Amino acid sequence: MNDEFLFYALCLIALVVVGLVVKKVASCLIKTVVLLLVAAAVAAAYFLYIQ
């Protein structure tokens, strides 16, 4: 399997899991902030991994 695809799939799984956990625990505003931070971290990791 392609390493880039595997990395992308794992990031998507992590994003979904974090989203579900935060949805169960936090309020709407905190949930939005956490999801934005996670999305930024995943995007940064993806671009750093590619380069």
Protein backbone atom coordinates (compact mmCIF):
# COMPACT_ATOMS: atom_id res chain seq x y z
CA MET A 1 0.00 0.00 0.00
CA ASN A 2 1.16 3.54 -0.66
CA ASP A 3 2.69 5.21 2.43
CA GLU A 4 1.05 8.57 1.67
CA PHE A 5 -2.38 6.94 1.41
CA LEU A 6 -1.84 5.08 4.68
CA PHE A 7 -0.79 8.29 6.44
CA TYR A 8 -3.83 10.12 5.05
CA ALA A 9 -6.17 7.32 6.12
CA LEU A 10 -4.74 7.27 9.65
CA CYS A 11 -5.12 11.04 9.92
CA LEU A 12 -8.75 10.82 8.84
CA ILE A 13 -9.43 8.07 11.38
CA ALA A 14 -7.76 10.13 14.12
CA LEU A 15 -9.79 13.17 13.13
CA VAL A 16 -13.06 11.23 13.31
CA VAL A 17 -12.18 9.68 16.69
CA VAL A 18 -11.21 13.05 18.18
CA GLY A 19 -14.38 14.58 16.78
CA LEU A 20 -16.53 11.89 18.39
CA VAL A 21 -14.78 12.19 21.75
CA VAL A 22 -15.05 15.97 21.80
CA LYS A 23 -18.71 15.77 20.72
CA LYS A 24 -19.47 13.62 23.74
CA VAL A 25 -17.51 15.75 26.23
CA ALA A 26 -17.35 19.40 25.24
CA SER A 27 -19.72 22.22 24.46
CA CYS A 28 -20.19 23.59 20.95
CA LEU A 29 -17.62 26.39 21.14
CA ILE A 30 -14.90 24.24 22.68
CA LYS A 31 -15.69 21.50 20.17
CA THR A 32 -15.23 23.91 17.26
CA VAL A 33 -11.91 25.21 18.58
CA VAL A 34 -10.55 21.72 19.22
CA LEU A 35 -11.60 20.45 15.79
CA LEU A 36 -9.97 23.47 14.12
CA LEU A 37 -6.74 22.84 16.04
CA VAL A 38 -6.77 19.16 15.13
CA ALA A 39 -7.46 19.97 11.47
CA ALA A 40 -4.57 22.45 11.46
CA ALA A 41 -2.25 19.91 13.10
CA VAL A 42 -3.21 17.21 10.59
CA ALA A 43 -2.72 19.61 7.66
CA ALA A 44 0.68 20.71 9.01
CA ALA A 45 1.78 17.13 9.56
CA TYR A 46 0.62 16.17 6.08
CA PHE A 47 2.50 18.99 4.37
CA LEU A 48 5.61 18.41 6.45
CA TYR A 49 5.43 14.70 5.67
CA ILE A 50 5.15 15.32 1.92
CA GLN A 51 8.10 17.73 1.84
